[in-house]
């Protein structure tokens, strides 16, 4: 090969290599932008999930407190009715004895 052809072939190969590098650089840049956007979206979703989780936990605590309060009320009513039933039974027993 002639030196001028070798130089021209080298220049062509260098130009193709530069073009490929440019294309790869562009692909990497676009991909990094997409990854960054996806990460930002995930962070937003994580924040929303965390907020929802906090609200659900607070609602569960309220329900738990409400259930405990209702249980206490029912226990008090049960005790009241048991005392009333025992009082009636005692009155009936006393009438039979007397």
PDB file of N, CA and C in Angstrom:
ATOM      1  N   UNK A   1       0.836  -1.189   0.000  1.00  0.00           N
ATOM      2  CA  UNK A   1       0.000   0.000   0.000  1.00  0.00           C
ATOM      3  C   UNK A   1       0.875   1.244   0.000  1.00  0.00           C
ATOM      4  N   UNK A   2       0.320   2.252  -0.551  1.00  0.00           N
ATOM      5  CA  UNK A   2       1.047   3.511  -0.613  1.00  0.00           C
ATOM      6  C   UNK A   2       0.883   4.240   0.709  1.00  0.00           C
ATOM      7  N   UNK A   3       1.824   5.055   1.093  1.00  0.00           N
ATOM      8  CA  UNK A   3       1.716   5.806   2.349  1.00  0.00           C
ATOM      9  C   UNK A   3       0.500   6.697   2.398  1.00  0.00           C
ATOM     10  N   UNK A   4       0.106   7.290   1.275  1.00  0.00           N
ATOM     11  CA  UNK A   4      -1.070   8.164   1.302  1.00  0.00           C
ATOM     12  C   UNK A   4      -2.345   7.351   1.506  1.00  0.00           C
ATOM     13  N   UNK A   5      -2.369   6.149   0.944  1.00  0.00           N
ATOM     14  CA  UNK A   5      -3.529   5.279   1.168  1.00  0.00           C
ATOM     15  C   UNK A   5      -3.575   4.809   2.615  1.00  0.00           C
ATOM     16  N   UNK A   6      -2.450   4.448   3.151  1.00  0.00           N
ATOM     17  CA  UNK A   6      -2.380   4.023   4.549  1.00  0.00           C
ATOM     18  C   UNK A   6      -2.845   5.153   5.461  1.00  0.00           C
ATOM     19  N   UNK A   7      -2.432   6.343   5.156  1.00  0.00           N
ATOM     20  CA  UNK A   7      -2.834   7.501   5.963  1.00  0.00           C
ATOM     21  C   UNK A   7      -4.329   7.743   5.829  1.00  0.00           C
ATOM     22  N   UNK A   8      -4.844   7.621   4.608  1.00  0.00           N
ATOM     23  CA  UNK A   8      -6.288   7.824   4.385  1.00  0.00           C
ATOM     24  C   UNK A   8      -7.091   6.744   5.084  1.00  0.00           C
ATOM     25  N   UNK A   9      -6.608   5.487   5.005  1.00  0.00           N
ATOM     26  CA  UNK A   9      -7.302   4.384   5.673  1.00  0.00           C
ATOM     27  C   UNK A   9      -7.253   4.586   7.183  1.00  0.00           C
ATOM     28  N   UNK A  10      -6.122   5.037   7.674  1.00  0.00           N
ATOM     29  CA  UNK A  10      -5.991   5.311   9.107  1.00  0.00           C
ATOM     30  C   UNK A  10      -6.915   6.428   9.542  1.00  0.00           C
ATOM     31  N   UNK A  11      -7.004   7.454   8.697  1.00  0.00           N
ATOM     32  CA  UNK A  11      -7.907   8.569   9.006  1.00  0.00           C
ATOM     33  C   UNK A  11      -9.360   8.116   9.006  1.00  0.00           C
ATOM     34  N   UNK A  12      -9.729   7.258   8.054  1.00  0.00           N
ATOM     35  CA  UNK A  12     -11.103   6.723   8.004  1.00  0.00           C
ATOM     36  C   UNK A  12     -11.419   5.893   9.251  1.00  0.00           C
ATOM     37  N   UNK A  13     -10.447   5.060   9.622  1.00  0.00           N
ATOM     38  CA  UNK A  13     -10.652   4.211  10.805  1.00  0.00           C
ATOM     39  C   UNK A  13     -10.744   5.075  12.057  1.00  0.00           C
ATOM     40  N   UNK A  14      -9.912   6.094  12.135  1.00  0.00           N
ATOM     41  CA  UNK A  14      -9.951   7.013  13.277  1.00  0.00           C
ATOM     42  C   UNK A  14     -11.293   7.738  13.323  1.00  0.00           C
ATOM     43  N   UNK A  15     -11.788   8.136  12.165  1.00  0.00           N
ATOM     44  CA  UNK A  15     -13.083   8.822  12.105  1.00  0.00           C
ATOM     45  C   UNK A  15     -14.203   7.888  12.536  1.00  0.00           C
ATOM     46  N   UNK A  16     -14.151   6.621  12.097  1.00  0.00           N
ATOM     47  CA  UNK A  16     -15.179   5.641  12.512  1.00  0.00           C
ATOM     48  C   UNK A  16     -15.098   5.371  14.010  1.00  0.00           C
ATOM     49  N   UNK A  17     -13.890   5.266  14.503  1.00  0.00           N
ATOM     50  CA  UNK A  17     -13.701   5.030  15.950  1.00  0.00           C
ATOM     51  C   UNK A  17     -14.258   6.207  16.743  1.00  0.00           C
ATOM     52  N   UNK A  18     -13.976   7.406  16.297  1.00  0.00           N
ATOM     53  CA  UNK A  18     -14.503   8.602  16.981  1.00  0.00           C
ATOM     54  C   UNK A  18     -16.027   8.630  16.925  1.00  0.00           C
ATOM     55  N   UNK A  19     -16.608   8.255  15.786  1.00  0.00           N
ATOM     56  CA  UNK A  19     -18.063   8.229  15.642  1.00  0.00           C
ATOM     57  C   UNK A  19     -18.677   7.184  16.577  1.00  0.00           C
ATOM     58  N   UNK A  20     -18.055   6.015  16.625  1.00  0.00           N
ATOM     59  CA  UNK A  20     -18.556   4.948  17.527  1.00  0.00           C
ATOM     60  C   UNK A  20     -18.461   5.406  18.973  1.00  0.00           C
ATOM     61  N   UNK A  21     -17.340   6.002  19.346  1.00  0.00           N
ATOM     62  CA  UNK A  21     -17.174   6.504  20.714  1.00  0.00           C
ATOM     63  C   UNK A  21     -18.216   7.566  21.027  1.00  0.00           C
ATOM     64  N   UNK A  22     -18.488   8.423  20.065  1.00  0.00           N
ATOM     65  CA  UNK A  22     -19.491   9.468  20.248  1.00  0.00           C
ATOM     66  C   UNK A  22     -20.880   8.850  20.449  1.00  0.00           C
ATOM     67  N   UNK A  23     -21.196   7.846  19.629  1.00  0.00           N
ATOM     68  CA  UNK A  23     -22.496   7.175  19.760  1.00  0.00           C
ATOM     69  C   UNK A  23     -22.602   6.464  21.111  1.00  0.00           C
ATOM     70  N   UNK A  24     -21.532   5.777  21.498  1.00  0.00           N
ATOM     71  CA  UNK A  24     -21.546   5.087  22.797  1.00  0.00           C
ATOM     72  C   UNK A  24     -21.684   6.085  23.942  1.00  0.00           C
ATOM     73  N   UNK A  25     -20.978   7.184  23.832  1.00  0.00           N
ATOM     74  CA  UNK A  25     -21.071   8.221  24.850  1.00  0.00           C
ATOM     75  C   UNK A  25     -22.500   8.753  24.947  1.00  0.00           C
ATOM     76  N   UNK A  26     -23.130   8.943  23.800  1.00  0.00           N
ATOM     77  CA  UNK A  26     -24.509   9.426  23.774  1.00  0.00           C
ATOM     78  C   UNK A  26     -25.454   8.410  24.408  1.00  0.00           C
ATOM     79  N   UNK A  27     -25.251   7.122  24.095  1.00  0.00           N
ATOM     80  CA  UNK A  27     -26.088   6.066  24.668  1.00  0.00           C
ATOM     81  C   UNK A  27     -25.910   6.021  26.186  1.00  0.00           C
ATOM     82  N   UNK A  28     -24.662   6.090  26.636  1.00  0.00           N
ATOM     83  CA  UNK A  28     -24.385   6.054  28.079  1.00  0.00           C
ATOM     84  C   UNK A  28     -25.018   7.259  28.766  1.00  0.00           C
ATOM     85  N   UNK A  29     -24.905   8.427  28.151  1.00  0.00           N
ATOM     86  CA  UNK A  29     -25.496   9.633  28.731  1.00  0.00           C
ATOM     87  C   UNK A  29     -27.021   9.501  28.819  1.00  0.00           C
ATOM     88  N   UNK A  30     -27.658   9.059  27.729  1.00  0.00           N
ATOM     89  CA  UNK A  30     -29.114   8.876  27.733  1.00  0.00           C
ATOM     90  C   UNK A  30     -29.532   7.861  28.789  1.00  0.00           C
ATOM     91  N   UNK A  31     -28.785   6.780  28.868  1.00  0.00           N
ATOM     92  CA  UNK A  31     -29.106   5.747  29.858  1.00  0.00           C
ATOM     93  C   UNK A  31     -28.963   6.292  31.276  1.00  0.00           C
ATOM     94  N   UNK A  32     -27.918   7.078  31.514  1.00  0.00           N
ATOM     95  CA  UNK A  32     -27.735   7.646  32.859  1.00  0.00           C
ATOM     96  C   UNK A  32     -28.862   8.615  33.200  1.00  0.00           C
ATOM     97  N   UNK A  33     -29.351   9.350  32.210  1.00  0.00           N
ATOM     98  CA  UNK A  33     -30.487  10.258  32.432  1.00  0.00           C
ATOM     99  C   UNK A  33     -31.748   9.471  32.774  1.00  0.00           C
ATOM    100  N   UNK A  34     -31.958   8.369  32.078  1.00  0.00           N
ATOM    101  CA  UNK A  34     -33.124   7.521  32.351  1.00  0.00           C
ATOM    102  C   UNK A  34     -33.030   6.904  33.744  1.00  0.00           C
ATOM    103  N   UNK A  35     -31.835   6.448  34.103  1.00  0.00           N
ATOM    104  CA  UNK A  35     -31.638   5.866  35.435  1.00  0.00           C
ATOM    105  C   UNK A  35     -31.879   6.913  36.509  1.00  0.00           C
ATOM    106  N   UNK A  36     -31.381   8.117  36.294  1.00  0.00           N
ATOM    107  CA  UNK A  36     -31.586   9.187  37.267  1.00  0.00           C
ATOM    108  C   UNK A  36     -33.066   9.505  37.425  1.00  0.00           C
ATOM    109  N   UNK A  37     -33.792   9.573  36.307  1.00  0.00           N
ATOM    110  CA  UNK A  37     -35.232   9.846  36.369  1.00  0.00           C
ATOM    111  C   UNK A  37     -35.956   8.712  37.105  1.00  0.00           C
ATOM    112  N   UNK A  38     -35.558   7.476  36.823  1.00  0.00           N
ATOM    113  CA  UNK A  38     -36.177   6.334  37.502  1.00  0.00           C
ATOM    114  C   UNK A  38     -35.892   6.381  38.999  1.00  0.00           C
ATOM    115  N   UNK A  39     -34.675   6.732  39.359  1.00  0.00           N
ATOM    116  CA  UNK A  39     -34.311   6.826  40.783  1.00  0.00           C
ATOM    117  C   UNK A  39     -35.131   7.914  41.474  1.00  0.00           C
ATOM    118  N   UNK A  40     -35.308   9.053  40.814  1.00  0.00           N
ATOM    119  CA  UNK A  40     -36.110  10.136  41.392  1.00  0.00           C
ATOM    120  C   UNK A  40     -37.558   9.683  41.585  1.00  0.00           C
ATOM    121  N   UNK A  41     -38.096   8.967  40.608  1.00  0.00           N
ATOM    122  CA  UNK A  41     -39.460   8.451  40.734  1.00  0.00           C
ATOM    123  C   UNK A  41     -39.566   7.449  41.874  1.00  0.00           C
ATOM    124  N   UNK A  42     -38.550   6.588  41.998  1.00  0.00           N
ATOM    125  CA  UNK A  42     -38.563   5.620  43.093  1.00  0.00           C
ATOM    126  C   UNK A  42     -38.500   6.322  44.446  1.00  0.00           C
ATOM    127  N   UNK A  43     -37.694   7.376  44.542  1.00  0.00           N
ATOM    128  CA  UNK A  43     -37.607   8.122  45.802  1.00  0.00           C
ATOM    129  C   UNK A  43     -38.948   8.752  46.152  1.00  0.00           C
ATOM    130  N   UNK A  44     -39.649   9.280  45.128  1.00  0.00           N
ATOM    131  CA  UNK A  44     -40.978   9.841  45.369  1.00  0.00           C
ATOM    132  C   UNK A  44     -41.933   8.758  45.862  1.00  0.00           C
ATOM    133  N   UNK A  45     -41.883   7.593  45.211  1.00  0.00           N
ATOM    134  CA  UNK A  45     -42.766   6.491  45.621  1.00  0.00           C
ATOM    135  C   UNK A  45     -42.431   6.011  47.031  1.00  0.00           C
ATOM    136  N   UNK A  46     -41.152   5.937  47.339  1.00  0.00           N
ATOM    137  CA  UNK A  46     -40.739   5.517  48.686  1.00  0.00           C
ATOM    138  C   UNK A  46     -41.271   6.505  49.721  1.00  0.00           C
ATOM    139  N   UNK A  47     -41.194   7.782  49.403  1.00  0.00           N
ATOM    140  CA  UNK A  47     -41.697   8.813  50.308  1.00  0.00           C
ATOM    141  C   UNK A  47     -43.208   8.664  50.493  1.00  0.00           C
ATOM    142  N   UNK A  48     -43.928   8.426  49.398  1.00  0.00           N
ATOM    143  CA  UNK A  48     -45.380   8.237  49.486  1.00  0.00           C
ATOM    144  C   UNK A  48     -45.719   6.988  50.287  1.00  0.00           C
ATOM    145  N   UNK A  49     -44.977   5.917  50.072  1.00  0.00           N
ATOM    146  CA  UNK A  49     -45.202   4.674  50.806  1.00  0.00           C
ATOM    147  C   UNK A  49     -44.938   4.906  52.290  1.00  0.00           C
ATOM    148  N   UNK A  50     -43.872   5.621  52.600  1.00  0.00           N
ATOM    149  CA  UNK A  50     -43.538   5.908  53.997  1.00  0.00           C
ATOM    150  C   UNK A  50     -44.649   6.715  54.660  1.00  0.00           C
ATOM    151  N   UNK A  51     -45.171   7.703  53.945  1.00  0.00           N
ATOM    152  CA  UNK A  51     -46.269   8.521  54.476  1.00  0.00           C
ATOM    153  C   UNK A  51     -47.504   7.665  54.703  1.00  0.00           C
ATOM    154  N   UNK A  52     -47.838   6.831  53.715  1.00  0.00           N
ATOM    155  CA  UNK A  52     -49.004   5.950  53.846  1.00  0.00           C
ATOM    156  C   UNK A  52     -48.817   4.974  54.999  1.00  0.00           C
ATOM    157  N   UNK A  53     -47.619   4.463  55.128  1.00  0.00           N
ATOM    158  CA  UNK A  53     -47.320   3.526  56.215  1.00  0.00           C
ATOM    159  C   UNK A  53     -47.523   4.190  57.572  1.00  0.00           C
ATOM    160  N   UNK A  54     -47.065   5.431  57.678  1.00  0.00           N
ATOM    161  CA  UNK A  54     -47.235   6.174  58.924  1.00  0.00           C
ATOM    162  C   UNK A  54     -48.720   6.368  59.234  1.00  0.00           C
ATOM    163  N   UNK A  55     -49.495   6.721  58.200  1.00  0.00           N
ATOM    164  CA  UNK A  55     -50.934   6.918  58.400  1.00  0.00           C
ATOM    165  C   UNK A  55     -51.623   5.616  58.795  1.00  0.00           C
ATOM    166  N   UNK A  56     -51.247   4.518  58.152  1.00  0.00           N
ATOM    167  CA  UNK A  56     -51.838   3.221  58.475  1.00  0.00           C
ATOM    168  C   UNK A  56     -51.487   2.830  59.908  1.00  0.00           C
ATOM    169  N   UNK A  57     -50.240   3.057  60.295  1.00  0.00           N
ATOM    170  CA  UNK A  57     -49.814   2.733  61.662  1.00  0.00           C
ATOM    171  C   UNK A  57     -50.604   3.563  62.675  1.00  0.00           C
ATOM    172  N   UNK A  58     -50.804   4.840  62.383  1.00  0.00           N
ATOM    173  CA  UNK A  58     -51.588   5.695  63.283  1.00  0.00           C
ATOM    174  C   UNK A  58     -53.031   5.212  63.360  1.00  0.00           C
ATOM    175  N   UNK A  59     -53.610   4.851  62.213  1.00  0.00           N
ATOM    176  CA  UNK A  59     -54.989   4.328  62.208  1.00  0.00           C
ATOM    177  C   UNK A  59     -55.086   3.032  63.003  1.00  0.00           C
ATOM    178  N   UNK A  60     -54.082   2.170  62.864  1.00  0.00           N
ATOM    179  CA  UNK A  60     -54.082   0.905  63.624  1.00  0.00           C
ATOM    180  C   UNK A  60     -54.028   1.180  65.126  1.00  0.00           C
ATOM    181  N   UNK A  61     -53.219   2.145  65.515  1.00  0.00           N
ATOM    182  CA  UNK A  61     -53.128   2.494  66.943  1.00  0.00           C
ATOM    183  C   UNK A  61     -54.468   3.025  67.453  1.00  0.00           C
ATOM    184  N   UNK A  62     -55.118   3.870  66.635  1.00  0.00           N
ATOM    185  CA  UNK A  62     -56.430   4.394  67.025  1.00  0.00           C
ATOM    186  C   UNK A  62     -57.439   3.258  67.170  1.00  0.00           C
ATOM    187  N   UNK A  63     -57.418   2.329  66.219  1.00  0.00           N
ATOM    188  CA  UNK A  63     -58.339   1.185  66.282  1.00  0.00           C
ATOM    189  C   UNK A  63     -58.040   0.320  67.502  1.00  0.00           C
ATOM    190  N   UNK A  64     -56.775   0.133  67.779  1.00  0.00           N
ATOM    191  CA  UNK A  64     -56.376  -0.658  68.944  1.00  0.00           C
ATOM    192  C   UNK A  64     -56.876   0.017  70.224  1.00  0.00           C
ATOM    193  N   UNK A  65     -56.661   1.314  70.327  1.00  0.00           N
ATOM    194  CA  UNK A  65     -57.130   2.051  71.500  1.00  0.00           C
ATOM    195  C   UNK A  65     -58.648   1.977  71.614  1.00  0.00           C
ATOM    196  N   UNK A  66     -59.325   2.117  70.490  1.00  0.00           N
ATOM    197  CA  UNK A  66     -60.788   2.046  70.483  1.00  0.00           C
ATOM    198  C   UNK A  66     -61.257   0.660  70.915  1.00  0.00           C
ATOM    199  N   UNK A  67     -60.592  -0.382  70.407  1.00  0.00           N
ATOM    200  CA  UNK A  67     -60.961  -1.757  70.772  1.00  0.00           C
ATOM    201  C   UNK A  67     -60.725  -2.004  72.262  1.00  0.00           C
ATOM    202  N   UNK A  68     -59.620  -1.499  72.782  1.00  0.00           N
ATOM    203  CA  UNK A  68     -59.341  -1.675  74.212  1.00  0.00           C
ATOM    204  C   UNK A  68     -60.378  -0.938  75.064  1.00  0.00           C
ATOM    205  N   UNK A  69     -60.756   0.252  74.621  1.00  0.00           N
ATOM    206  CA  UNK A  69     -61.776   1.020  75.338  1.00  0.00           C
ATOM    207  C   UNK A  69     -63.120   0.283  75.294  1.00  0.00           C
ATOM    208  N   UNK A  70     -63.454  -0.253  74.133  1.00  0.00           N
ATOM    209  CA  UNK A  70     -64.714  -1.012  73.990  1.00  0.00           C
ATOM    210  C   UNK A  70     -64.682  -2.252  74.853  1.00  0.00           C
ATOM    211  N   UNK A  71     -63.548  -2.930  74.911  1.00  0.00           N
ATOM    212  CA  UNK A  71     -63.405  -4.123  75.753  1.00  0.00           C
ATOM    213  C   UNK A  71     -63.616  -3.762  77.224  1.00  0.00           C
ATOM    214  N   UNK A  72     -63.029  -2.648  77.626  1.00  0.00           N
ATOM    215  CA  UNK A  72     -63.181  -2.204  79.017  1.00  0.00           C
ATOM    216  C   UNK A  72     -64.652  -1.931  79.320  1.00  0.00           C
ATOM    217  N   UNK A  73     -65.334  -1.261  78.391  1.00  0.00           N
ATOM    218  CA  UNK A  73     -66.754  -0.956  78.575  1.00  0.00           C
ATOM    219  C   UNK A  73     -67.572  -2.240  78.666  1.00  0.00           C
ATOM    220  N   UNK A  74     -67.277  -3.188  77.782  1.00  0.00           N
ATOM    221  CA  UNK A  74     -68.009  -4.468  77.796  1.00  0.00           C
ATOM    222  C   UNK A  74     -67.743  -5.246  79.082  1.00  0.00           C
ATOM    223  N   UNK A  75     -66.511  -5.230  79.557  1.00  0.00           N
ATOM    224  CA  UNK A  75     -66.191  -5.901  80.830  1.00  0.00           C
ATOM    225  C   UNK A  75     -66.957  -5.264  81.991  1.00  0.00           C
ATOM    226  N   UNK A  76     -67.040  -3.936  81.977  1.00  0.00           N
ATOM    227  CA  UNK A  76     -67.782  -3.240  83.030  1.00  0.00           C
ATOM    228  C   UNK A  76     -69.273  -3.593  82.960  1.00  0.00           C
ATOM    229  N   UNK A  77     -69.828  -3.644  81.742  1.00  0.00           N
ATOM    230  CA  UNK A  77     -71.240  -4.018  81.584  1.00  0.00           C
ATOM    231  C   UNK A  77     -71.463  -5.460  82.034  1.00  0.00           C
ATOM    232  N   UNK A  78     -70.549  -6.327  81.696  1.00  0.00           N
ATOM    233  CA  UNK A  78     -70.643  -7.736  82.093  1.00  0.00           C
ATOM    234  C   UNK A  78     -70.645  -7.835  83.613  1.00  0.00           C
ATOM    235  N   UNK A  79     -69.720  -7.148  84.256  1.00  0.00           N
ATOM    236  CA  UNK A  79     -69.673  -7.162  85.729  1.00  0.00           C
ATOM    237  C   UNK A  79     -70.974  -6.627  86.320  1.00  0.00           C
ATOM    238  N   UNK A  80     -71.493  -5.552  85.730  1.00  0.00           N
ATOM    239  CA  UNK A  80     -72.737  -4.958  86.217  1.00  0.00           C
ATOM    240  C   UNK A  80     -73.892  -5.966  86.112  1.00  0.00           C
ATOM    241  N   UNK A  81     -74.012  -6.616  84.960  1.00  0.00           N
ATOM    242  CA  UNK A  81     -75.085  -7.593  84.771  1.00  0.00           C
ATOM    243  C   UNK A  81     -74.891  -8.822  85.663  1.00  0.00           C
ATOM    244  N   UNK A  82     -73.672  -9.257  85.860  1.00  0.00           N
ATOM    245  CA  UNK A  82     -73.422 -10.395  86.751  1.00  0.00           C
ATOM    246  C   UNK A  82     -73.824 -10.045  88.188  1.00  0.00           C
ATOM    247  N   UNK A  83     -73.481  -8.847  88.630  1.00  0.00           N
ATOM    248  CA  UNK A  83     -73.866  -8.435  89.985  1.00  0.00           C
ATOM    249  C   UNK A  83     -75.388  -8.364  90.116  1.00  0.00           C
ATOM    250  N   UNK A  84     -76.017  -7.825  89.075  1.00  0.00           N
ATOM    251  CA  UNK A  84     -77.480  -7.746  89.101  1.00  0.00           C
ATOM    252  C   UNK A  84     -78.077  -9.152  89.137  1.00  0.00           C
ATOM    253  N   UNK A  85     -77.533 -10.070  88.343  1.00  0.00           N
ATOM    254  CA  UNK A  85     -78.041 -11.449  88.319  1.00  0.00           C
ATOM    255  C   UNK A  85     -77.831 -12.114  89.673  1.00  0.00           C
ATOM    256  N   UNK A  86     -76.667 -11.933  90.278  1.00  0.00           N
ATOM    257  CA  UNK A  86     -76.418 -12.516  91.597  1.00  0.00           C
ATOM    258  C   UNK A  86     -77.352 -11.913  92.646  1.00  0.00           C
ATOM    259  N   UNK A  87     -77.586 -10.612  92.539  1.00  0.00           N
ATOM    260  CA  UNK A  87     -78.492  -9.965  93.495  1.00  0.00           C
ATOM    261  C   UNK A  87     -79.897 -10.542  93.359  1.00  0.00           C
ATOM    262  N   UNK A  88     -80.349 -10.747  92.127  1.00  0.00           N
ATOM    263  CA  UNK A  88     -81.685 -11.330  91.905  1.00  0.00           C
ATOM    264  C   UNK A  88     -81.728 -12.758  92.429  1.00  0.00           C
ATOM    265  N   UNK A  89     -80.670 -13.543  92.150  1.00  0.00           N
ATOM    266  CA  UNK A  89     -80.626 -14.925  92.662  1.00  0.00           C
ATOM    267  C   UNK A  89     -80.652 -14.935  94.190  1.00  0.00           C
ATOM    268  N   UNK A  90     -79.912 -14.028  94.813  1.00  0.00           N
ATOM    269  CA  UNK A  90     -79.912 -13.950  96.282  1.00  0.00           C
ATOM    270  C   UNK A  90     -81.294 -13.575  96.802  1.00  0.00           C
ATOM    271  N   UNK A  91     -81.944 -12.637  96.112  1.00  0.00           N
ATOM    272  CA  UNK A  91     -83.298 -12.250  96.537  1.00  0.00           C
ATOM    273  C   UNK A  91     -84.251 -13.441  96.410  1.00  0.00           C
ATOM    274  N   UNK A  92     -84.148 -14.185  95.321  1.00  0.00           N
ATOM    275  CA  UNK A  92     -85.027 -15.353  95.133  1.00  0.00           C
ATOM    276  C   UNK A  92     -84.715 -16.429  96.168  1.00  0.00           C
ATOM    277  N   UNK A  93     -83.451 -16.646  96.473  1.00  0.00           N
ATOM    278  CA  UNK A  93     -83.081 -17.618  97.489  1.00  0.00           C
ATOM    279  C   UNK A  93     -83.591 -17.207  98.857  1.00  0.00           C
ATOM    280  N   UNK A  94     -83.516 -15.924  99.163  1.00  0.00           N
ATOM    281  CA  UNK A  94     -83.991 -15.427 100.454  1.00  0.00           C
ATOM    282  C   UNK A  94     -85.506 -15.553 100.561  1.00  0.00           C
ATOM    283  N   UNK A  95     -86.218 -15.354  99.486  1.00  0.00           N
ATOM    284  CA  UNK A  95     -87.681 -15.503  99.506  1.00  0.00           C
ATOM    285  C   UNK A  95     -88.063 -16.963  99.720  1.00  0.00           C
ATOM    286  N   UNK A  96     -87.328 -17.889  99.114  1.00  0.00           N
ATOM    287  CA  UNK A  96     -87.635 -19.298  99.287  1.00  0.00           C
ATOM    288  C   UNK A  96     -87.341 -19.729 100.719  1.00  0.00           C
ATOM    289  N   UNK A  97     -86.306 -19.156 101.329  1.00  0.00           N
ATOM    290  CA  UNK A  97     -85.932 -19.529 102.671  1.00  0.00           C
ATOM    291  C   UNK A  97     -86.866 -18.907 103.699  1.00  0.00           C
ATOM    292  N   UNK A  98     -87.352 -17.783 103.381  1.00  0.00           N
ATOM    293  CA  UNK A  98     -88.093 -17.048 104.383  1.00  0.00           C
ATOM    294  C   UNK A  98     -89.526 -17.175 104.350  1.00  0.00           C
TER     295      UNK A  98
END
